[in-house]
Amino acid sequence: GLALKRNRELLDEEASAKIFQENNERSLPNTVNLHGLYVTEAKLYFKRTVEEARDREQPLCVIVGKGIHSDDNIPKIKPAIQALGENLGMIVDVDPENDGRLIFCAVVYVLPSTSTPEDV
């Protein structure tokens, strides 16, 4: 029962870690490959990558795949990661050269001017 479920969860975690590691061992610092993971795993690795890349001033390239291997060829990771990035306050664009890649930029907030009506 419970022990079997926990054992399956541990094996799933190990498998996703191995897939992530193999997909990303040669990636550039501003690129992460989430292709081949389940949506929940992809979201976890995306959040970790965003935290690690927070101090870099470069856009983050995220490989999500086109959904070719998904049921009915409908992407599952791509919309989930797009929504998560937007919820984290990031600007998200689909790479114009490859719709299986997303480009994320951190949003820079501009504070409102402290000018008074007399200054205008």
PDB file of N, CA and C in Angstrom:
ATOM      1  N   GLY A   1       0.783  -1.168   0.000  1.00  0.00           N
ATOM      2  CA  GLY A   1       0.000   0.000   0.000  1.00  0.00           C
ATOM      3  C   GLY A   1       0.851   1.269   0.000  1.00  0.00           C
ATOM      4  N   LEU A   2       1.020   1.810   1.197  1.00  0.00           N
ATOM      5  CA  LEU A   2       1.687   3.106   1.355  1.00  0.00           C
ATOM      6  C   LEU A   2       3.176   3.028   0.997  1.00  0.00           C
ATOM      7  N   ALA A   3       3.828   1.936   1.410  1.00  0.00           N
ATOM      8  CA  ALA A   3       5.257   1.761   1.113  1.00  0.00           C
ATOM      9  C   ALA A   3       5.484   1.629  -0.393  1.00  0.00           C
ATOM     10  N   LEU A   4       4.591   0.922  -1.066  1.00  0.00           N
ATOM     11  CA  LEU A   4       4.701   0.749  -2.514  1.00  0.00           C
ATOM     12  C   LEU A   4       4.539   2.088  -3.229  1.00  0.00           C
ATOM     13  N   LYS A   5       3.583   2.886  -2.765  1.00  0.00           N
ATOM     14  CA  LYS A   5       3.362   4.211  -3.357  1.00  0.00           C
ATOM     15  C   LYS A   5       4.591   5.098  -3.175  1.00  0.00           C
ATOM     16  N   ARG A   6       5.156   5.098  -1.975  1.00  0.00           N
ATOM     17  CA  ARG A   6       6.347   5.920  -1.704  1.00  0.00           C
ATOM     18  C   ARG A   6       7.532   5.453  -2.543  1.00  0.00           C
ATOM     19  N   ASN A   7       7.672   4.135  -2.701  1.00  0.00           N
ATOM     20  CA  ASN A   7       8.753   3.598  -3.519  1.00  0.00           C
ATOM     21  C   ASN A   7       8.598   4.039  -4.973  1.00  0.00           C
ATOM     22  N   ARG A   8       7.363   4.030  -5.486  1.00  0.00           N
ATOM     23  CA  ARG A   8       7.105   4.479  -6.860  1.00  0.00           C
ATOM     24  C   ARG A   8       7.439   5.960  -7.004  1.00  0.00           C
ATOM     25  N   GLU A   9       7.082   6.773  -6.002  1.00  0.00           N
ATOM     26  CA  GLU A   9       7.390   8.202  -6.041  1.00  0.00           C
ATOM     27  C   GLU A   9       8.896   8.440  -6.073  1.00  0.00           C
ATOM     28  N   LEU A  10       9.645   7.683  -5.269  1.00  0.00           N
ATOM     29  CA  LEU A  10      11.108   7.822  -5.259  1.00  0.00           C
ATOM     30  C   LEU A  10      11.703   7.444  -6.612  1.00  0.00           C
ATOM     31  N   LEU A  11      11.193   6.371  -7.207  1.00  0.00           N
ATOM     32  CA  LEU A  11      11.686   5.963  -8.522  1.00  0.00           C
ATOM     33  C   LEU A  11      11.353   7.020  -9.581  1.00  0.00           C
ATOM     34  N   ASP A  12      10.161   7.607  -9.507  1.00  0.00           N
ATOM     35  CA  ASP A  12       9.788   8.683 -10.435  1.00  0.00           C
ATOM     36  C   ASP A  12      10.718   9.884 -10.287  1.00  0.00           C
ATOM     37  N   GLU A  13      11.037  10.247  -9.032  1.00  0.00           N
ATOM     38  CA  GLU A  13      11.944  11.370  -8.783  1.00  0.00           C
ATOM     39  C   GLU A  13      13.327  11.091  -9.356  1.00  0.00           C
ATOM     40  N   GLU A  14      13.816   9.866  -9.161  1.00  0.00           N
ATOM     41  CA  GLU A  14      15.120   9.494  -9.688  1.00  0.00           C
ATOM     42  C   GLU A  14      15.127   9.548 -11.217  1.00  0.00           C
ATOM     43  N   ALA A  15      14.057   9.050 -11.830  1.00  0.00           N
ATOM     44  CA  ALA A  15      13.973   9.037 -13.293  1.00  0.00           C
ATOM     45  C   ALA A  15      13.936  10.461 -13.839  1.00  0.00           C
ATOM     46  N   SER A  16      13.131  11.329 -13.230  1.00  0.00           N
ATOM     47  CA  SER A  16      13.051  12.705 -13.732  1.00  0.00           C
ATOM     48  C   SER A  16      14.376  13.433 -13.540  1.00  0.00           C
ATOM     49  N   ALA A  17      15.061  13.173 -12.431  1.00  0.00           N
ATOM     50  CA  ALA A  17      16.369  13.796 -12.201  1.00  0.00           C
ATOM     51  C   ALA A  17      17.369  13.346 -13.265  1.00  0.00           C
ATOM     52  N   LYS A  18      17.323  12.065 -13.618  1.00  0.00           N
ATOM     53  CA  LYS A  18      18.235  11.543 -14.638  1.00  0.00           C
ATOM     54  C   LYS A  18      17.916  12.150 -16.013  1.00  0.00           C
ATOM     55  N   ILE A  19      16.642  12.231 -16.362  1.00  0.00           N
ATOM     56  CA  ILE A  19      16.246  12.835 -17.641  1.00  0.00           C
ATOM     57  C   ILE A  19      16.690  14.295 -17.688  1.00  0.00           C
ATOM     58  N   PHE A  20      16.421  15.033 -16.607  1.00  0.00           N
ATOM     59  CA  PHE A  20      16.802  16.441 -16.557  1.00  0.00           C
ATOM     60  C   PHE A  20      18.317  16.603 -16.690  1.00  0.00           C
ATOM     61  N   GLN A  21      19.064  15.796 -15.952  1.00  0.00           N
ATOM     62  CA  GLN A  21      20.528  15.881 -15.990  1.00  0.00           C
ATOM     63  C   GLN A  21      21.052  15.583 -17.394  1.00  0.00           C
ATOM     64  N   GLU A  22      20.556  14.517 -18.014  1.00  0.00           N
ATOM     65  CA  GLU A  22      21.024  14.166 -19.356  1.00  0.00           C
ATOM     66  C   GLU A  22      20.662  15.234 -20.384  1.00  0.00           C
ATOM     67  N   ASN A  23      19.478  15.813 -20.257  1.00  0.00           N
ATOM     68  CA  ASN A  23      19.052  16.850 -21.198  1.00  0.00           C
ATOM     69  C   ASN A  23      19.843  18.149 -21.048  1.00  0.00           C
ATOM     70  N   ASN A  24      20.405  18.371 -19.875  1.00  0.00           N
ATOM     71  CA  ASN A  24      21.008  19.674 -19.592  1.00  0.00           C
ATOM     72  C   ASN A  24      22.510  19.651 -19.343  1.00  0.00           C
ATOM     73  N   GLU A  25      23.160  18.515 -19.474  1.00  0.00           N
ATOM     74  CA  GLU A  25      24.582  18.458 -19.145  1.00  0.00           C
ATOM     75  C   GLU A  25      25.448  19.301 -20.074  1.00  0.00           C
ATOM     76  N   ARG A  26      24.976  19.574 -21.281  1.00  0.00           N
ATOM     77  CA  ARG A  26      25.761  20.395 -22.220  1.00  0.00           C
ATOM     78  C   ARG A  26      25.091  21.743 -22.508  1.00  0.00           C
ATOM     79  N   SER A  27      24.083  22.093 -21.731  1.00  0.00           N
ATOM     80  CA  SER A  27      23.339  23.339 -21.981  1.00  0.00           C
ATOM     81  C   SER A  27      24.138  24.562 -21.577  1.00  0.00           C
ATOM     82  N   LEU A  28      23.864  25.652 -22.256  1.00  0.00           N
ATOM     83  CA  LEU A  28      24.447  26.940 -21.880  1.00  0.00           C
ATOM     84  C   LEU A  28      23.845  27.392 -20.552  1.00  0.00           C
ATOM     85  N   PRO A  29      24.522  28.294 -19.832  1.00  0.00           N
ATOM     86  CA  PRO A  29      24.016  28.726 -18.522  1.00  0.00           C
ATOM     87  C   PRO A  29      22.619  29.348 -18.568  1.00  0.00           C
ATOM     88  N   ASN A  30      22.234  29.917 -19.691  1.00  0.00           N
ATOM     89  CA  ASN A  30      20.926  30.569 -19.760  1.00  0.00           C
ATOM     90  C   ASN A  30      19.894  29.712 -20.496  1.00  0.00           C
ATOM     91  N   THR A  31      20.152  28.403 -20.612  1.00  0.00           N
ATOM     92  CA  THR A  31      19.245  27.487 -21.296  1.00  0.00           C
ATOM     93  C   THR A  31      18.934  26.305 -20.395  1.00  0.00           C
ATOM     94  N   VAL A  32      17.650  25.923 -20.378  1.00  0.00           N
ATOM     95  CA  VAL A  32      17.241  24.741 -19.624  1.00  0.00           C
ATOM     96  C   VAL A  32      16.310  23.921 -20.520  1.00  0.00           C
ATOM     97  N   ASN A  33      16.492  22.608 -20.498  1.00  0.00           N
ATOM     98  CA  ASN A  33      15.714  21.699 -21.326  1.00  0.00           C
ATOM     99  C   ASN A  33      14.762  20.907 -20.431  1.00  0.00           C
ATOM    100  N   LEU A  34      13.470  21.145 -20.587  1.00  0.00           N
ATOM    101  CA  LEU A  34      12.447  20.455 -19.800  1.00  0.00           C
ATOM    102  C   LEU A  34      11.744  19.370 -20.613  1.00  0.00           C
ATOM    103  N   HIS A  35      12.181  19.213 -21.841  1.00  0.00           N
ATOM    104  CA  HIS A  35      11.579  18.253 -22.758  1.00  0.00           C
ATOM    105  C   HIS A  35      11.667  16.847 -22.172  1.00  0.00           C
ATOM    106  N   GLY A  36      10.583  16.097 -22.243  1.00  0.00           N
ATOM    107  CA  GLY A  36      10.583  14.709 -21.784  1.00  0.00           C
ATOM    108  C   GLY A  36      10.150  14.525 -20.347  1.00  0.00           C
ATOM    109  N   LEU A  37       9.939  15.611 -19.623  1.00  0.00           N
ATOM    110  CA  LEU A  37       9.481  15.521 -18.235  1.00  0.00           C
ATOM    111  C   LEU A  37       7.957  15.610 -18.178  1.00  0.00           C
ATOM    112  N   TYR A  38       7.388  15.173 -17.066  1.00  0.00           N
ATOM    113  CA  TYR A  38       5.971  15.413 -16.816  1.00  0.00           C
ATOM    114  C   TYR A  38       5.803  16.870 -16.411  1.00  0.00           C
ATOM    115  N   VAL A  39       4.597  17.397 -16.550  1.00  0.00           N
ATOM    116  CA  VAL A  39       4.341  18.810 -16.284  1.00  0.00           C
ATOM    117  C   VAL A  39       4.752  19.193 -14.860  1.00  0.00           C
ATOM    118  N   THR A  40       4.378  18.416 -13.863  1.00  0.00           N
ATOM    119  CA  THR A  40       4.721  18.779 -12.479  1.00  0.00           C
ATOM    120  C   THR A  40       6.227  18.812 -12.277  1.00  0.00           C
ATOM    121  N   GLU A  41       6.938  17.880 -12.888  1.00  0.00           N
ATOM    122  CA  GLU A  41       8.394  17.861 -12.781  1.00  0.00           C
ATOM    123  C   GLU A  41       9.000  19.062 -13.514  1.00  0.00           C
ATOM    124  N   ALA A  42       8.467  19.359 -14.701  1.00  0.00           N
ATOM    125  CA  ALA A  42       8.972  20.492 -15.484  1.00  0.00           C
ATOM    126  C   ALA A  42       8.793  21.798 -14.716  1.00  0.00           C
ATOM    127  N   LYS A  43       7.657  21.960 -14.049  1.00  0.00           N
ATOM    128  CA  LYS A  43       7.411  23.180 -13.277  1.00  0.00           C
ATOM    129  C   LYS A  43       8.402  23.293 -12.123  1.00  0.00           C
ATOM    130  N   LEU A  44       8.694  22.194 -11.465  1.00  0.00           N
ATOM    131  CA  LEU A  44       9.659  22.192 -10.361  1.00  0.00           C
ATOM    132  C   LEU A  44      11.042  22.607 -10.858  1.00  0.00           C
ATOM    133  N   TYR A  45      11.510  22.003 -11.947  1.00  0.00           N
ATOM    134  CA  TYR A  45      12.836  22.338 -12.483  1.00  0.00           C
ATOM    135  C   TYR A  45      12.873  23.762 -13.037  1.00  0.00           C
ATOM    136  N   PHE A  46      11.779  24.225 -13.608  1.00  0.00           N
ATOM    137  CA  PHE A  46      11.723  25.601 -14.106  1.00  0.00           C
ATOM    138  C   PHE A  46      11.880  26.579 -12.948  1.00  0.00           C
ATOM    139  N   LYS A  47      11.154  26.361 -11.863  1.00  0.00           N
ATOM    140  CA  LYS A  47      11.257  27.255 -10.694  1.00  0.00           C
ATOM    141  C   LYS A  47      12.687  27.280 -10.156  1.00  0.00           C
ATOM    142  N   ARG A  48      13.310  26.117 -10.067  1.00  0.00           N
ATOM    143  CA  ARG A  48      14.701  26.051  -9.593  1.00  0.00           C
ATOM    144  C   ARG A  48      15.626  26.838 -10.518  1.00  0.00           C
ATOM    145  N   THR A  49      15.430  26.681 -11.819  1.00  0.00           N
ATOM    146  CA  THR A  49      16.273  27.368 -12.796  1.00  0.00           C
ATOM    147  C   THR A  49      16.091  28.873 -12.713  1.00  0.00           C
ATOM    148  N   VAL A  50      14.851  29.322 -12.544  1.00  0.00           N
ATOM    149  CA  VAL A  50      14.586  30.760 -12.417  1.00  0.00           C
ATOM    150  C   VAL A  50      15.305  31.312 -11.193  1.00  0.00           C
ATOM    151  N   GLU A  51      15.265  30.584 -10.091  1.00  0.00           N
ATOM    152  CA  GLU A  51      15.965  31.025  -8.883  1.00  0.00           C
ATOM    153  C   GLU A  51      17.470  31.132  -9.135  1.00  0.00           C
ATOM    154  N   GLU A  52      18.033  30.135  -9.803  1.00  0.00           N
ATOM    155  CA  GLU A  52      19.473  30.133 -10.079  1.00  0.00           C
ATOM    156  C   GLU A  52      19.865  31.229 -11.072  1.00  0.00           C
ATOM    157  N   ALA A  53      18.966  31.552 -12.005  1.00  0.00           N
ATOM    158  CA  ALA A  53      19.281  32.519 -13.061  1.00  0.00           C
ATOM    159  C   ALA A  53      18.883  33.940 -12.696  1.00  0.00           C
ATOM    160  N   ARG A  54      18.338  34.144 -11.535  1.00  0.00           N
ATOM    161  CA  ARG A  54      17.791  35.441 -11.145  1.00  0.00           C
ATOM    162  C   ARG A  54      18.819  36.574 -11.257  1.00  0.00           C
ATOM    163  N   ASP A  55      20.071  36.306 -10.930  1.00  0.00           N
ATOM    164  CA  ASP A  55      21.088  37.362 -10.944  1.00  0.00           C
ATOM    165  C   ASP A  55      21.674  37.608 -12.335  1.00  0.00           C
ATOM    166  N   ARG A  56      21.429  36.699 -13.261  1.00  0.00           N
ATOM    167  CA  ARG A  56      21.931  36.889 -14.623  1.00  0.00           C
ATOM    168  C   ARG A  56      21.040  37.892 -15.337  1.00  0.00           C
ATOM    169  N   GLU A  57      21.627  38.685 -16.170  1.00  0.00           N
ATOM    170  CA  GLU A  57      20.849  39.691 -16.884  1.00  0.00           C
ATOM    171  C   GLU A  57      20.520  39.245 -18.298  1.00  0.00           C
ATOM    172  N   GLN A  58      20.650  37.958 -18.568  1.00  0.00           N
ATOM    173  CA  GLN A  58      20.340  37.433 -19.888  1.00  0.00           C
ATOM    174  C   GLN A  58      18.962  36.788 -19.877  1.00  0.00           C
ATOM    175  N   PRO A  59      18.298  36.766 -21.025  1.00  0.00           N
ATOM    176  CA  PRO A  59      17.038  36.029 -21.113  1.00  0.00           C
ATOM    177  C   PRO A  59      17.287  34.540 -20.854  1.00  0.00           C
ATOM    178  N   LEU A  60      16.283  33.872 -20.374  1.00  0.00           N
ATOM    179  CA  LEU A  60      16.354  32.443 -20.104  1.00  0.00           C
ATOM    180  C   LEU A  60      15.634  31.704 -21.226  1.00  0.00           C
ATOM    181  N   CYS A  61      16.341  30.802 -21.895  1.00  0.00           N
ATOM    182  CA  CYS A  61      15.767  29.992 -22.960  1.00  0.00           C
ATOM    183  C   CYS A  61      15.331  28.662 -22.355  1.00  0.00           C
ATOM    184  N   VAL A  62      14.053  28.319 -22.537  1.00  0.00           N
ATOM    185  CA  VAL A  62      13.514  27.090 -21.959  1.00  0.00           C
ATOM    186  C   VAL A  62      12.994  26.206 -23.085  1.00  0.00           C
ATOM    187  N   ILE A  63      13.593  25.030 -23.216  1.00  0.00           N
ATOM    188  CA  ILE A  63      13.163  24.069 -24.229  1.00  0.00           C
ATOM    189  C   ILE A  63      12.027  23.247 -23.625  1.00  0.00           C
ATOM    190  N   VAL A  64      10.857  23.367 -24.229  1.00  0.00           N
ATOM    191  CA  VAL A  64       9.670  22.677 -23.702  1.00  0.00           C
ATOM    192  C   VAL A  64       9.147  21.615 -24.668  1.00  0.00           C
ATOM    193  N   GLY A  65       9.620  21.612 -25.885  1.00  0.00           N
ATOM    194  CA  GLY A  65       9.116  20.678 -26.883  1.00  0.00           C
ATOM    195  C   GLY A  65       7.862  21.210 -27.551  1.00  0.00           C
ATOM    196  N   LYS A  66       7.503  20.572 -28.636  1.00  0.00           N
ATOM    197  CA  LYS A  66       6.355  21.013 -29.433  1.00  0.00           C
ATOM    198  C   LYS A  66       5.101  20.201 -29.150  1.00  0.00           C
ATOM    199  N   GLY A  67       5.205  19.191 -28.307  1.00  0.00           N
ATOM    200  CA  GLY A  67       4.050  18.357 -28.007  1.00  0.00           C
ATOM    201  C   GLY A  67       3.902  17.169 -28.943  1.00  0.00           C
ATOM    202  N   ILE A  68       4.888  16.926 -29.766  1.00  0.00           N
ATOM    203  CA  ILE A  68       4.811  15.844 -30.757  1.00  0.00           C
ATOM    204  C   ILE A  68       4.614  14.482 -30.087  1.00  0.00           C
ATOM    205  N   HIS A  69       5.193  14.286 -28.907  1.00  0.00           N
ATOM    206  CA  HIS A  69       5.094  12.997 -28.218  1.00  0.00           C
ATOM    207  C   HIS A  69       3.944  12.961 -27.214  1.00  0.00           C
ATOM    208  N   SER A  70       3.178  14.038 -27.116  1.00  0.00           N
ATOM    209  CA  SER A  70       2.041  14.101 -26.201  1.00  0.00           C
ATOM    210  C   SER A  70       0.794  13.510 -26.859  1.00  0.00           C
ATOM    211  N   ASP A  71      -0.190  13.170 -26.036  1.00  0.00           N
ATOM    212  CA  ASP A  71      -1.459  12.682 -26.563  1.00  0.00           C
ATOM    213  C   ASP A  71      -2.038  13.704 -27.538  1.00  0.00           C
ATOM    214  N   ASP A  72      -2.485  13.242 -28.694  1.00  0.00           N
ATOM    215  CA  ASP A  72      -3.081  14.090 -29.722  1.00  0.00           C
ATOM    216  C   ASP A  72      -2.142  15.202 -30.196  1.00  0.00           C
ATOM    217  N   ASN A  73      -0.838  15.046 -29.972  1.00  0.00           N
ATOM    218  CA  ASN A  73       0.171  16.044 -30.374  1.00  0.00           C
ATOM    219  C   ASN A  73      -0.106  17.428 -29.802  1.00  0.00           C
ATOM    220  N   ILE A  74      -0.735  17.480 -28.642  1.00  0.00           N
ATOM    221  CA  ILE A  74      -1.031  18.752 -27.978  1.00  0.00           C
ATOM    222  C   ILE A  74      -0.001  18.962 -26.874  1.00  0.00           C
ATOM    223  N   PRO A  75       0.771  20.065 -26.937  1.00  0.00           N
ATOM    224  CA  PRO A  75       1.795  20.300 -25.908  1.00  0.00           C
ATOM    225  C   PRO A  75       1.173  20.467 -24.527  1.00  0.00           C
ATOM    226  N   LYS A  76       1.841  19.898 -23.541  1.00  0.00           N
ATOM    227  CA  LYS A  76       1.387  20.027 -22.156  1.00  0.00           C
ATOM    228  C   LYS A  76       2.351  20.883 -21.334  1.00  0.00           C
ATOM    229  N   ILE A  77       3.646  20.696 -21.551  1.00  0.00           N
ATOM    230  CA  ILE A  77       4.645  21.447 -20.785  1.00  0.00           C
ATOM    231  C   ILE A  77       4.626  22.916 -21.181  1.00  0.00           C
ATOM    232  N   LYS A  78       4.558  23.194 -22.467  1.00  0.00           N
ATOM    233  CA  LYS A  78       4.650  24.564 -22.963  1.00  0.00           C
ATOM    234  C   LYS A  78       3.622  25.502 -22.322  1.00  0.00           C
ATOM    235  N   PRO A  79       2.317  25.195 -22.360  1.00  0.00           N
ATOM    236  CA  PRO A  79       1.368  26.139 -21.746  1.00  0.00           C
ATOM    237  C   PRO A  79       1.529  26.246 -20.235  1.00  0.00           C
ATOM    238  N   ALA A  80       1.913  25.152 -19.597  1.00  0.00           N
ATOM    239  CA  ALA A  80       2.096  25.191 -18.140  1.00  0.00           C
ATOM    240  C   ALA A  80       3.270  26.083 -17.754  1.00  0.00           C
ATOM    241  N   ILE A  81       4.378  25.999 -18.499  1.00  0.00           N
ATOM    242  CA  ILE A  81       5.559  26.798 -18.189  1.00  0.00           C
ATOM    243  C   ILE A  81       5.328  28.258 -18.593  1.00  0.00           C
ATOM    244  N   GLN A  82       4.615  28.495 -19.691  1.00  0.00           N
ATOM    245  CA  GLN A  82       4.268  29.871 -20.070  1.00  0.00           C
ATOM    246  C   GLN A  82       3.471  30.535 -18.946  1.00  0.00           C
ATOM    247  N   ALA A  83       2.459  29.848 -18.467  1.00  0.00           N
ATOM    248  CA  ALA A  83       1.601  30.399 -17.402  1.00  0.00           C
ATOM    249  C   ALA A  83       2.389  30.610 -16.119  1.00  0.00           C
ATOM    250  N   LEU A  84       3.245  29.660 -15.770  1.00  0.00           N
ATOM    251  CA  LEU A  84       4.041  29.787 -14.554  1.00  0.00           C
ATOM    252  C   LEU A  84       4.980  30.985 -14.648  1.00  0.00           C
ATOM    253  N   GLY A  85       5.642  31.147 -15.786  1.00  0.00           N
ATOM    254  CA  GLY A  85       6.534  32.295 -15.973  1.00  0.00           C
ATOM    255  C   GLY A  85       5.784  33.610 -15.845  1.00  0.00           C
ATOM    256  N   GLU A  86       4.615  33.683 -16.452  1.00  0.00           N
ATOM    257  CA  GLU A  86       3.804  34.900 -16.355  1.00  0.00           C
ATOM    258  C   GLU A  86       3.380  35.153 -14.909  1.00  0.00           C
ATOM    259  N   ASN A  87       3.015  34.084 -14.198  1.00  0.00           N
ATOM    260  CA  ASN A  87       2.640  34.228 -12.785  1.00  0.00           C
ATOM    261  C   ASN A  87       3.815  34.691 -11.928  1.00  0.00           C
ATOM    262  N   LEU A  88       5.037  34.382 -12.371  1.00  0.00           N
ATOM    263  CA  LEU A  88       6.237  34.819 -11.655  1.00  0.00           C
ATOM    264  C   LEU A  88       6.648  36.232 -12.072  1.00  0.00           C
ATOM    265  N   GLY A  89       5.851  36.860 -12.946  1.00  0.00           N
ATOM    266  CA  GLY A  89       6.120  38.230 -13.363  1.00  0.00           C
ATOM    267  C   GLY A  89       7.132  38.349 -14.483  1.00  0.00           C
ATOM    268  N   MET A  90       7.263  37.302 -15.282  1.00  0.00           N
ATOM    269  CA  MET A  90       8.230  37.319 -16.369  1.00  0.00           C
ATOM    270  C   MET A  90       7.529  37.590 -17.695  1.00  0.00           C
ATOM    271  N   ILE A  91       8.264  38.170 -18.626  1.00  0.00           N
ATOM    272  CA  ILE A  91       7.779  38.336 -19.992  1.00  0.00           C
ATOM    273  C   ILE A  91       8.136  37.055 -20.741  1.00  0.00           C
ATOM    274  N   VAL A  92       7.154  36.476 -21.428  1.00  0.00           N
ATOM    275  CA  VAL A  92       7.345  35.195 -22.104  1.00  0.00           C
ATOM    276  C   VAL A  92       7.103  35.368 -23.598  1.00  0.00           C
ATOM    277  N   ASP A  93       8.041  34.904 -24.403  1.00  0.00           N
ATOM    278  CA  ASP A  93       7.880  34.893 -25.850  1.00  0.00           C
ATOM    279  C   ASP A  93       8.206  33.510 -26.377  1.00  0.00           C
ATOM    280  N   VAL A  94       7.517  33.112 -27.438  1.00  0.00           N
ATOM    281  CA  VAL A  94       7.869  31.877 -28.136  1.00  0.00           C
ATOM    282  C   VAL A  94       9.020  32.213 -29.071  1.00  0.00           C
ATOM    283  N   ASP A  95      10.058  31.378 -29.061  1.00  0.00           N
ATOM    284  CA  ASP A  95      11.204  31.596 -29.940  1.00  0.00           C
ATOM    285  C   ASP A  95      10.715  31.579 -31.388  1.00  0.00           C
ATOM    286  N   PRO A  96      10.960  32.650 -32.151  1.00  0.00           N
ATOM    287  CA  PRO A  96      10.469  32.707 -33.537  1.00  0.00           C
ATOM    288  C   PRO A  96      11.109  31.654 -34.443  1.00  0.00           C
ATOM    289  N   GLU A  97      12.243  31.106 -34.040  1.00  0.00           N
ATOM    290  CA  GLU A  97      12.919  30.098 -34.853  1.00  0.00           C
ATOM    291  C   GLU A  97      12.537  28.673 -34.472  1.00  0.00           C
ATOM    292  N   ASN A  98      11.884  28.505 -33.285  1.00  0.00           N
ATOM    293  CA  ASN A  98      11.546  27.157 -32.825  1.00  0.00           C
ATOM    294  C   ASN A  98      10.413  27.272 -31.817  1.00  0.00           C
ATOM    295  N   ASP A  99       9.210  26.863 -32.213  1.00  0.00           N
ATOM    296  CA  ASP A  99       8.077  27.023 -31.306  1.00  0.00           C
ATOM    297  C   ASP A  99       8.076  26.024 -30.152  1.00  0.00           C
ATOM    298  N   GLY A 100       9.109  25.207 -30.059  1.00  0.00           N
ATOM    299  CA  GLY A 100       9.297  24.327 -28.909  1.00  0.00           C
ATOM    300  C   GLY A 100      10.203  24.942 -27.855  1.00  0.00           C
ATOM    301  N   ARG A 101      10.539  26.233 -28.047  1.00  0.00           N
ATOM    302  CA  ARG A 101      11.376  26.959 -27.071  1.00  0.00           C
ATOM    303  C   ARG A 101      10.665  28.228 -26.639  1.00  0.00           C
ATOM    304  N   LEU A 102      10.800  28.538 -25.373  1.00  0.00           N
ATOM    305  CA  LEU A 102      10.255  29.771 -24.813  1.00  0.00           C
ATOM    306  C   LEU A 102      11.406  30.635 -24.335  1.00  0.00           C
ATOM    307  N   ILE A 103      11.265  31.941 -24.487  1.00  0.00           N
ATOM    308  CA  ILE A 103      12.266  32.892 -24.025  1.00  0.00           C
ATOM    309  C   ILE A 103      11.623  33.706 -22.901  1.00  0.00           C
ATOM    310  N   PHE A 104      12.274  33.711 -21.753  1.00  0.00           N
ATOM    311  CA  PHE A 104      11.763  34.428 -20.582  1.00  0.00           C
ATOM    312  C   PHE A 104      12.694  35.572 -20.229  1.00  0.00           C
ATOM    313  N   CYS A 105      12.105  36.716 -19.954  1.00  0.00           N
ATOM    314  CA  CYS A 105      12.856  37.872 -19.476  1.00  0.00           C
ATOM    315  C   CYS A 105      12.227  38.321 -18.171  1.00  0.00           C
ATOM    316  N   ALA A 106      13.058  38.663 -17.208  1.00  0.00           N
ATOM    317  CA  ALA A 106      12.549  39.192 -15.948  1.00  0.00           C
ATOM    318  C   ALA A 106      11.983  40.578 -16.191  1.00  0.00           C
ATOM    319  N   VAL A 107      10.941  40.892 -15.503  1.00  0.00           N
ATOM    320  CA  VAL A 107      10.322  42.213 -15.632  1.00  0.00           C
ATOM    321  C   VAL A 107      11.037  43.167 -14.695  1.00  0.00           C
ATOM    322  N   VAL A 108      11.406  44.323 -15.208  1.00  0.00           N
ATOM    323  CA  VAL A 108      12.013  45.360 -14.380  1.00  0.00           C
ATOM    324  C   VAL A 108      10.914  46.350 -14.037  1.00  0.00           C
ATOM    325  N   TYR A 109      10.636  46.479 -12.778  1.00  0.00           N
ATOM    326  CA  TYR A 109       9.590  47.393 -12.354  1.00  0.00           C
ATOM    327  C   TYR A 109      10.144  48.803 -12.232  1.00  0.00           C
ATOM    328  N   VAL A 110       9.447  49.760 -12.831  1.00  0.00           N
ATOM    329  CA  VAL A 110       9.836  51.163 -12.749  1.00  0.00           C
ATOM    330  C   VAL A 110       8.940  51.805 -11.695  1.00  0.00           C
ATOM    331  N   LEU A 111       9.571  52.399 -10.698  1.00  0.00           N
ATOM    332  CA  LEU A 111       8.793  53.046  -9.663  1.00  0.00           C
ATOM    333  C   LEU A 111       8.184  54.327 -10.191  1.00  0.00           C
ATOM    334  N   PRO A 112       6.952  54.627  -9.752  1.00  0.00           N
ATOM    335  CA  PRO A 112       6.341  55.859 -10.237  1.00  0.00           C
ATOM    336  C   PRO A 112       7.153  57.075  -9.824  1.00  0.00           C
ATOM    337  N   SER A 113       7.068  58.102 -10.630  1.00  0.00           N
ATOM    338  CA  SER A 113       7.791  59.341 -10.359  1.00  0.00           C
ATOM    339  C   SER A 113       7.272  59.962  -9.070  1.00  0.00           C
ATOM    340  N   THR A 114       8.167  60.611  -8.361  1.00  0.00           N
ATOM    341  CA  THR A 114       7.773  61.282  -7.134  1.00  0.00           C
ATOM    342  C   THR A 114       7.516  62.765  -7.374  1.00  0.00           C
ATOM    343  N   SER A 115       7.326  63.134  -8.654  1.00  0.00           N
ATOM    344  CA  SER A 115       7.092  64.534  -8.968  1.00  0.00           C
ATOM    345  C   SER A 115       5.739  64.981  -8.413  1.00  0.00           C
ATOM    346  N   THR A 116       5.649  66.229  -8.119  1.00  0.00           N
ATOM    347  CA  THR A 116       4.408  66.813  -7.597  1.00  0.00           C
ATOM    348  C   THR A 116       3.684  67.531  -8.719  1.00  0.00           C
ATOM    349  N   PRO A 117       2.425  67.854  -8.543  1.00  0.00           N
ATOM    350  CA  PRO A 117       1.702  68.567  -9.607  1.00  0.00           C
ATOM    351  C   PRO A 117       2.379  69.879  -9.997  1.00  0.00           C
ATOM    352  N   GLU A 118       3.087  70.504  -9.074  1.00  0.00           N
ATOM    353  CA  GLU A 118       3.753  71.759  -9.415  1.00  0.00           C
ATOM    354  C   GLU A 118       4.886  71.535 -10.398  1.00  0.00           C
ATOM    355  N   ASP A 119       5.476  70.315 -10.408  1.00  0.00           N
ATOM    356  CA  ASP A 119       6.586  70.006 -11.309  1.00  0.00           C
ATOM    357  C   ASP A 119       6.132  69.818 -12.753  1.00  0.00           C
ATOM    358  N   VAL A 120       4.862  69.564 -12.925  1.00  0.00           N
ATOM    359  CA  VAL A 120       4.356  69.213 -14.271  1.00  0.00           C
ATOM    360  C   VAL A 120       3.994  70.450 -15.036  1.00  0.00           C
TER     361      VAL A 120
END
